[in-house]
Amino acid sequence: MPPPNLLQPTPEGLWCEAGGFHVDPWKPVATAVVTHAHADHATPGCGRYLASRNTLEVMKVRFDRKLTGEVVDWGTTRELGACRISLHPAGHVLGSAQIRIEHHDETWCVTGDYKCEPDPSCEPFEHVNCDTLLTESTFGLPVYRWEDPRGVLSSMNDWWRFNSEQGRTTVFLAYAFGKAQRILAGLDPTIGPIGIHGALVGPTEVYRSAGVLLPETIRADRTTATELSGGGVIVCPPSATGTPWMRRFKGPGGMRLGYVSGWMQVRGRRRWQSVDRGFALSDHADWNGLLETIRTSGARRIGVTHGSTRVLARYLREVEGLDSFEVPTRFVGEPAPSHAEAVGG
C-alpha cells in the first residue's frame, strides 16, 4: 500500500494509528473494530471490541458467551482517537458491516465481505461514499456473475422434492454461520422436515432472535434420524461429510449431497465427484457487484484484498482509470472447497 495511508498493514492486521485501533485483526489486539463474525475477520482474545449488535451476538456464540463488546448502531458515529467511525450494512451475513473512517478531511471505507443482492436473512447492503475504498475481491474475476438467488433456491427445493419422492435424504453442505441460515430462509418446509447440524444451532438462534424469518428446524441427531431419513433435508458444514453422524440419516433410497458455494459457478459436479450437485449461491459480491460498489462509492483510490487482488486491481487501473493497489492479507476470502473438505478430511 503506497504511503501516506490512514490504514497500514501490520503483522496483526490493518492498523489505524490515528484512531488507535485495528480492523479485523488476525491476532489479539487492544482494540478491534470488527466487520463480521467469520473466523477470518473476528479474532478471540482482543481487549476491546466494537461491532454491530448482531455481530457481537454471533461472536458470543462462536467464541465465548462471556465476551463483551461495544455496540455501534448503524449510521451512528463513534470517536476513536483522532478518527470518527461509523458502521454500515454489508449484506454479507447477519450483522456484517462496512467500516467508514473519517480523519480530518479524508474518508476511508473498509467493506469487509459484502454482497449487493437482496437477502432476507441479513441487513441489506448500503453504498458508502468515500475517498479511499478497501474492497474484498473473493470472486474478483469476470467469470463470476451470479444468477438470481431466488432461482438457485428454487432449484434446491426442486431437487430436495425429487429426492424425497425417491426416498433419498437430501443434504446441503454450507458454512454453519451465514450461508446455512440463508439456505434455511429459502427452504420450503412443506416438502418435509428440516434438520440442522449442531454447529448451526447457536448461530440460527441468533438469527431468530434478530427477527429473521426461518422455517421450523430440528437438530439432526440420533433422536431425529428416523424422522429426517428418506424425505427430509439436512443442512450441515462440509466437514461433516462422510462421518458416522451423517451416515445415520441415509434413507431407503440413499442420500444425495449438494454443495452450496459461489465456487460451484465454474467448479461443478465433474470436479467434485464426492457430491451430487453444486449450487452457485454466494454471500460475496460477484464481478458486477464489485464494480458497481467501487463506481458508486466515488472513491479515488481503491485497495483490493481477500481474493483475486491482482486481477481486479489491474483492471481498475487499466480499464477504469483508478488508482488501485493490493492490500496484503492472510486470507483469500471464501476458500474454494478442496477434495479433502468435500469428503470431510
Protein backbone atom coordinates (compact mmCIF):
# COMPACT_ATOMS: atom_id res chain seq x y z
CA MET A 1 0.00 0.00 0.00
CA PRO A 2 1.59 3.32 -1.06
CA PRO A 3 2.02 5.96 1.69
CA PRO A 4 0.56 8.04 3.16
CA ASN A 5 -2.21 5.83 4.50
CA LEU A 6 -4.78 6.07 7.22
CA LEU A 7 -4.67 2.26 7.46
CA GLN A 8 -1.43 0.29 7.41
CA PRO A 9 -0.90 -3.48 7.16
CA THR A 10 0.91 -4.93 10.19
CA PRO A 11 1.58 -8.48 11.45
CA GLU A 12 -1.65 -8.14 13.47
CA GLY A 13 -3.75 -6.87 10.55
CA LEU A 14 -4.88 -3.43 9.39
CA TRP A 15 -3.81 -0.75 11.87
CA CYS A 16 -5.17 2.77 12.20
CA GLU A 17 -2.58 4.74 14.15
CA ALA A 18 -4.66 7.93 14.17
CA GLY A 19 -7.53 6.07 15.82
CA GLY A 20 -5.58 3.57 17.89
CA PHE A 21 -7.44 0.50 16.61
CA HIS A 22 -7.16 -2.48 14.27
CA VAL A 23 -9.74 -3.51 11.69
CA ASP A 24 -10.47 -7.27 11.61
CA PRO A 25 -7.15 -8.18 13.29
CA TRP A 26 -5.59 -11.60 12.75
CA LYS A 27 -4.18 -11.74 16.29
CA PRO A 28 -5.45 -10.49 19.67
CA VAL A 29 -5.00 -6.71 19.93
CA ALA A 30 -6.02 -3.94 22.34
CA THR A 31 -8.91 -2.54 20.27
CA ALA A 32 -10.61 -4.32 17.37
CA VAL A 33 -13.28 -2.90 15.09
CA VAL A 34 -14.88 -5.97 13.52
CA THR A 35 -16.78 -6.19 10.23
CA HIS A 36 -18.44 -9.56 10.93
CA ALA A 37 -18.15 -12.76 12.93
CA HIS A 38 -16.50 -15.13 10.44
CA ALA A 39 -13.20 -16.51 11.72
CA ASP A 40 -11.08 -14.78 9.06
CA HIS A 41 -12.35 -11.40 10.29
CA ALA A 42 -13.08 -11.83 14.01
CA THR A 43 -10.34 -12.94 16.40
CA PRO A 44 -10.97 -14.01 20.01
CA GLY A 45 -8.92 -12.58 22.85
CA CYS A 46 -8.93 -8.86 21.98
CA GLY A 47 -9.10 -6.34 24.81
CA ARG A 48 -11.91 -4.26 23.32
CA TYR A 49 -14.39 -4.95 20.53
CA LEU A 50 -16.55 -2.55 18.56
CA ALA A 51 -19.05 -4.08 16.15
CA SER A 52 -22.71 -4.23 15.21
CA ARG A 53 -25.13 -5.72 17.73
CA ASN A 54 -25.73 -8.90 15.74
CA THR A 55 -22.03 -9.44 15.08
CA LEU A 56 -21.32 -9.32 18.80
CA GLU A 57 -24.16 -11.76 19.49
CA VAL A 58 -22.77 -14.26 16.97
CA MET A 59 -19.25 -13.81 18.36
CA LYS A 60 -20.57 -14.75 21.79
CA VAL A 61 -21.99 -17.97 20.36
CA ARG A 62 -18.90 -18.83 18.32
CA PHE A 63 -16.14 -17.68 20.69
CA ASP A 64 -17.19 -17.02 24.27
CA ARG A 65 -20.57 -16.47 25.91
CA LYS A 66 -18.87 -14.05 28.32
CA LEU A 67 -17.45 -11.90 25.52
CA THR A 68 -18.28 -8.23 25.89
CA GLY A 69 -18.12 -5.52 23.28
CA GLU A 70 -19.40 -2.09 22.39
CA VAL A 71 -22.38 -1.96 20.06
CA VAL A 72 -22.10 0.57 17.26
CA ASP A 73 -25.57 1.12 15.84
CA TRP A 74 -25.97 1.54 12.09
CA GLY A 75 -25.07 5.00 10.85
CA THR A 76 -24.08 6.39 14.23
CA THR A 77 -20.59 7.79 14.78
CA ARG A 78 -18.06 6.84 17.41
CA GLU A 79 -14.86 8.74 18.14
CA LEU A 80 -11.69 6.69 18.40
CA GLY A 81 -8.57 8.76 18.89
CA ALA A 82 -8.47 11.38 16.15
CA CYS A 83 -10.93 9.41 13.99
CA ARG A 84 -14.68 9.08 13.71
CA ILE A 85 -16.04 5.69 12.68
CA SER A 86 -19.48 4.51 11.62
CA LEU A 87 -20.84 1.13 10.57
CA HIS A 88 -22.99 0.48 7.50
CA PRO A 89 -24.65 -2.82 6.47
CA ALA A 90 -22.56 -5.00 4.16
CA GLY A 91 -25.22 -7.57 3.21
CA HIS A 92 -22.80 -10.49 3.66
CA VAL A 93 -24.27 -12.20 6.72
CA LEU A 94 -26.32 -11.10 9.73
CA GLY A 95 -24.62 -8.12 11.37
CA SER A 96 -21.93 -7.72 8.71
CA ALA A 97 -20.71 -4.14 8.42
CA GLN A 98 -18.64 -1.82 6.33
CA ILE A 99 -16.46 0.47 8.43
CA ARG A 100 -16.35 4.14 7.45
CA ILE A 101 -13.43 6.05 8.95
CA GLU A 102 -13.09 9.84 8.95
CA HIS A 103 -9.81 11.58 9.75
CA HIS A 104 -9.57 15.33 9.14
CA ASP A 105 -10.75 15.81 5.54
CA GLU A 106 -10.14 12.19 4.49
CA THR A 107 -12.69 9.36 4.43
CA TRP A 108 -11.95 5.66 4.09
CA CYS A 109 -14.30 2.69 3.92
CA VAL A 110 -13.38 -0.93 4.64
CA THR A 111 -16.07 -3.12 3.09
CA GLY A 112 -15.24 -6.40 4.78
CA ASP A 113 -17.08 -9.15 2.92
CA TYR A 114 -20.23 -8.00 1.16
CA LYS A 115 -22.89 -8.68 -1.44
CA CYS A 116 -25.30 -6.31 -3.13
CA GLU A 117 -28.21 -8.62 -3.94
CA PRO A 118 -31.24 -8.84 -1.62
CA ASP A 119 -31.10 -11.49 1.10
CA PRO A 120 -33.94 -11.88 3.63
CA SER A 121 -31.58 -13.37 6.21
CA CYS A 122 -29.48 -10.23 6.79
CA GLU A 123 -29.45 -6.44 6.64
CA PRO A 124 -29.36 -5.07 3.05
CA PHE A 125 -26.13 -3.67 1.62
CA GLU A 126 -25.70 0.10 1.82
CA HIS A 127 -23.49 2.04 -0.60
CA VAL A 128 -20.95 4.25 1.19
CA ASN A 129 -19.27 7.31 -0.31
CA CYS A 130 -15.58 7.72 0.50
CA ASP A 131 -12.19 8.89 -0.80
CA THR A 132 -10.45 5.53 -0.41
CA LEU A 133 -12.26 2.19 -0.59
CA LEU A 134 -10.78 -1.10 0.60
CA THR A 135 -12.83 -3.81 -1.09
CA GLU A 136 -12.80 -7.57 -0.89
CA SER A 137 -12.32 -9.49 -4.15
CA THR A 138 -13.13 -13.10 -3.30
CA PHE A 139 -14.86 -13.57 -6.66
CA GLY A 140 -12.99 -10.83 -8.46
CA LEU A 141 -12.90 -12.48 -11.88
CA PRO A 142 -15.29 -11.79 -14.80
CA VAL A 143 -16.42 -15.42 -14.89
CA TYR A 144 -18.26 -14.95 -11.61
CA ARG A 145 -21.66 -13.45 -12.42
CA TRP A 146 -24.40 -14.78 -10.18
CA GLU A 147 -27.79 -16.00 -11.27
CA ASP A 148 -30.84 -14.68 -9.44
CA PRO A 149 -30.56 -16.29 -5.98
CA ARG A 150 -34.30 -16.92 -5.94
CA GLY A 151 -33.85 -19.21 -8.93
CA VAL A 152 -30.98 -21.05 -7.25
CA LEU A 153 -33.02 -21.60 -4.09
CA SER A 154 -35.97 -22.76 -6.18
CA SER A 155 -33.70 -25.32 -7.86
CA MET A 156 -32.55 -26.50 -4.44
CA ASN A 157 -36.14 -27.02 -3.32
CA ASP A 158 -36.98 -28.84 -6.56
CA TRP A 159 -34.00 -31.16 -6.05
CA TRP A 160 -34.99 -31.83 -2.45
CA ARG A 161 -38.58 -32.58 -3.55
CA PHE A 162 -37.36 -35.01 -6.23
CA ASN A 163 -35.04 -36.77 -3.79
CA SER A 164 -37.82 -37.04 -1.23
CA GLU A 165 -40.07 -38.73 -3.78
CA GLN A 166 -37.29 -41.27 -4.35
CA GLY A 167 -36.84 -41.96 -0.64
CA ARG A 168 -33.50 -40.16 -0.54
CA THR A 169 -32.26 -37.89 2.20
CA THR A 170 -31.05 -34.52 0.91
CA VAL A 171 -28.00 -32.86 2.45
CA PHE A 172 -26.85 -29.31 1.72
CA LEU A 173 -23.25 -28.56 2.64
CA ALA A 174 -22.69 -24.95 3.68
CA TYR A 175 -20.89 -22.77 6.20
CA ALA A 176 -22.50 -23.00 9.64
CA PHE A 177 -22.88 -19.24 10.02
CA GLY A 178 -24.38 -17.12 7.26
CA LYS A 179 -24.75 -19.40 4.26
CA ALA A 180 -26.62 -22.04 6.25
CA GLN A 181 -29.19 -19.56 7.55
CA ARG A 182 -29.64 -18.08 4.10
CA ILE A 183 -30.43 -21.56 2.83
CA LEU A 184 -32.86 -22.16 5.68
CA ALA A 185 -34.68 -18.92 4.86
CA GLY A 186 -35.22 -20.18 1.31
CA LEU A 187 -36.27 -23.78 2.00
CA ASP A 188 -39.88 -24.90 1.53
CA PRO A 189 -40.98 -26.63 4.76
CA THR A 190 -43.98 -28.23 3.05
CA ILE A 191 -41.61 -30.67 1.33
CA GLY A 192 -40.50 -32.33 4.56
CA PRO A 193 -38.70 -31.91 7.88
CA ILE A 194 -35.62 -29.68 8.04
CA GLY A 195 -32.69 -30.79 10.16
CA ILE A 196 -29.60 -28.81 11.14
CA HIS A 197 -26.19 -29.89 12.37
CA GLY A 198 -25.29 -28.94 15.93
CA ALA A 199 -22.82 -26.34 14.67
CA LEU A 200 -25.75 -24.40 13.19
CA VAL A 201 -27.89 -24.31 16.32
CA GLY A 202 -26.27 -21.34 18.09
CA PRO A 203 -25.99 -19.03 15.06
CA THR A 204 -29.52 -19.95 13.96
CA GLU A 205 -30.87 -18.95 17.38
CA VAL A 206 -29.21 -15.54 16.97
CA TYR A 207 -30.91 -15.13 13.57
CA ARG A 208 -34.31 -15.96 15.04
CA SER A 209 -33.75 -13.58 17.96
CA ALA A 210 -32.90 -10.84 15.45
CA GLY A 211 -36.28 -11.31 13.77
CA VAL A 212 -35.14 -13.24 10.70
CA LEU A 213 -37.98 -15.47 9.46
CA LEU A 214 -36.79 -19.06 9.28
CA PRO A 215 -38.81 -22.27 8.96
CA GLU A 216 -39.09 -24.70 11.86
CA THR A 217 -35.98 -26.84 12.22
CA ILE A 218 -34.93 -29.81 14.33
CA ARG A 219 -31.47 -30.74 15.49
CA ALA A 220 -30.17 -33.59 13.36
CA ASP A 221 -29.03 -36.30 15.76
CA ARG A 222 -29.76 -39.91 16.65
CA THR A 223 -33.14 -38.98 18.15
CA THR A 224 -34.38 -37.40 14.90
CA ALA A 225 -32.67 -39.73 12.40
CA THR A 226 -35.84 -41.69 11.63
CA GLU A 227 -37.85 -38.51 11.03
CA LEU A 228 -35.26 -37.00 8.69
CA SER A 229 -34.19 -40.11 6.78
CA GLY A 230 -35.66 -40.51 3.32
CA GLY A 231 -37.74 -37.36 2.89
CA GLY A 232 -36.05 -34.73 4.99
CA VAL A 233 -33.28 -32.26 4.30
CA ILE A 234 -30.23 -31.61 6.45
CA VAL A 235 -28.04 -28.51 6.37
CA CYS A 236 -24.55 -29.05 7.75
CA PRO A 237 -20.94 -27.89 7.36
CA PRO A 238 -18.79 -29.65 4.73
CA SER A 239 -16.59 -31.15 7.46
CA ALA A 240 -19.49 -33.43 8.46
CA THR A 241 -19.37 -35.29 5.13
CA GLY A 242 -18.59 -38.98 5.41
CA THR A 243 -18.80 -39.05 9.20
CA PRO A 244 -20.75 -41.59 11.27
CA TRP A 245 -23.04 -38.70 12.21
CA MET A 246 -24.05 -38.23 8.57
CA ARG A 247 -24.36 -41.90 7.69
CA ARG A 248 -27.15 -42.42 10.22
CA PHE A 249 -29.50 -40.29 8.08
CA LYS A 250 -29.30 -42.41 4.94
CA GLY A 251 -32.79 -43.08 3.61
CA PRO A 252 -34.18 -46.21 1.90
CA GLY A 253 -33.28 -44.65 -1.44
CA GLY A 254 -29.89 -43.44 -0.24
CA MET A 255 -28.57 -39.93 0.32
CA ARG A 256 -27.73 -37.06 -2.01
CA LEU A 257 -25.22 -34.30 -1.24
CA GLY A 258 -25.38 -30.77 -2.61
CA TYR A 259 -22.52 -28.29 -2.16
CA VAL A 260 -23.69 -24.67 -1.87
CA SER A 261 -20.99 -22.16 -2.78
CA GLY A 262 -20.14 -19.48 -5.31
CA TRP A 263 -17.29 -21.69 -6.48
CA MET A 264 -19.89 -24.02 -7.98
CA GLN A 265 -20.31 -21.41 -10.73
CA VAL A 266 -17.33 -22.98 -12.51
CA ARG A 267 -16.36 -25.95 -10.37
CA GLY A 268 -19.28 -28.28 -10.64
CA ARG A 269 -20.14 -31.90 -10.43
CA ARG A 270 -17.40 -33.21 -12.72
CA ARG A 271 -14.67 -31.90 -10.43
CA TRP A 272 -16.35 -32.52 -7.08
CA GLN A 273 -17.13 -36.21 -7.56
CA SER A 274 -17.87 -36.59 -3.85
CA VAL A 275 -21.06 -34.51 -4.16
CA ASP A 276 -24.06 -34.99 -6.40
CA ARG A 277 -24.95 -31.38 -7.16
CA GLY A 278 -23.39 -27.96 -6.93
CA PHE A 279 -25.46 -24.82 -6.33
CA ALA A 280 -23.83 -21.43 -7.03
CA LEU A 281 -25.21 -19.40 -4.15
CA SER A 282 -22.72 -16.95 -2.67
CA ASP A 283 -22.67 -14.42 0.13
CA HIS A 284 -19.99 -12.41 -1.69
CA ALA A 285 -20.31 -9.85 -4.47
CA ASP A 286 -19.76 -11.15 -7.99
CA TRP A 287 -17.73 -9.31 -10.64
CA ASN A 288 -20.58 -6.94 -11.48
CA GLY A 289 -21.33 -6.30 -7.81
CA LEU A 290 -17.71 -5.42 -7.09
CA LEU A 291 -17.55 -2.95 -9.97
CA GLU A 292 -20.91 -1.39 -9.06
CA THR A 293 -19.80 -0.86 -5.47
CA ILE A 294 -16.49 0.66 -6.50
CA ARG A 295 -18.07 3.03 -9.01
CA THR A 296 -20.88 4.09 -6.69
CA SER A 297 -18.50 4.85 -3.82
CA GLY A 298 -16.93 7.74 -5.74
CA ALA A 299 -13.56 6.72 -4.30
CA ARG A 300 -10.39 7.98 -5.96
CA ARG A 301 -8.24 5.18 -4.55
CA ILE A 302 -9.18 1.51 -4.36
CA GLY A 303 -7.42 -1.06 -2.20
CA VAL A 304 -8.14 -4.68 -3.14
CA THR A 305 -7.87 -7.54 -0.65
CA HIS A 306 -9.13 -11.06 0.15
CA GLY A 307 -9.18 -12.91 -3.16
CA SER A 308 -8.32 -12.17 -6.80
CA THR A 309 -6.49 -8.99 -5.83
CA ARG A 310 -4.04 -8.76 -8.71
CA VAL A 311 -6.63 -9.21 -11.46
CA LEU A 312 -9.12 -6.72 -10.04
CA ALA A 313 -6.51 -4.11 -9.11
CA ARG A 314 -5.04 -4.24 -12.62
CA TYR A 315 -8.49 -3.98 -14.22
CA LEU A 316 -9.30 -0.93 -12.12
CA ARG A 317 -6.06 0.77 -13.17
CA GLU A 318 -6.08 -0.10 -16.85
CA VAL A 319 -9.81 -0.08 -17.66
CA GLU A 320 -11.46 2.10 -15.01
CA GLY A 321 -8.54 4.53 -14.74
CA LEU A 322 -8.47 4.39 -10.94
CA ASP A 323 -5.56 4.48 -8.52
CA SER A 324 -5.74 0.90 -7.27
CA PHE A 325 -3.42 -1.26 -5.19
CA GLU A 326 -3.33 -4.62 -3.44
CA VAL A 327 -3.72 -4.89 0.32
CA PRO A 328 -1.90 -7.88 1.87
CA THR A 329 -3.91 -10.35 3.93
CA ARG A 330 -3.57 -13.82 5.39
CA PHE A 331 -6.83 -14.87 3.81
CA VAL A 332 -8.30 -15.29 0.34
CA GLY A 333 -11.95 -14.66 1.17
CA GLU A 334 -14.18 -17.72 0.79
CA PRO A 335 -11.79 -20.67 0.31
CA ALA A 336 -12.52 -22.94 -2.63
CA PRO A 337 -13.56 -26.37 -1.32
CA SER A 338 -10.74 -28.86 -1.66
CA HIS A 339 -11.43 -32.52 -2.28
CA ALA A 340 -10.45 -33.17 1.33
CA GLU A 341 -13.04 -30.68 2.55
CA ALA A 342 -15.70 -32.18 0.32
CA VAL A 343 -15.19 -35.64 1.85
CA GLY A 344 -14.74 -34.42 5.41
CA GLY A 345 -10.91 -34.55 5.53
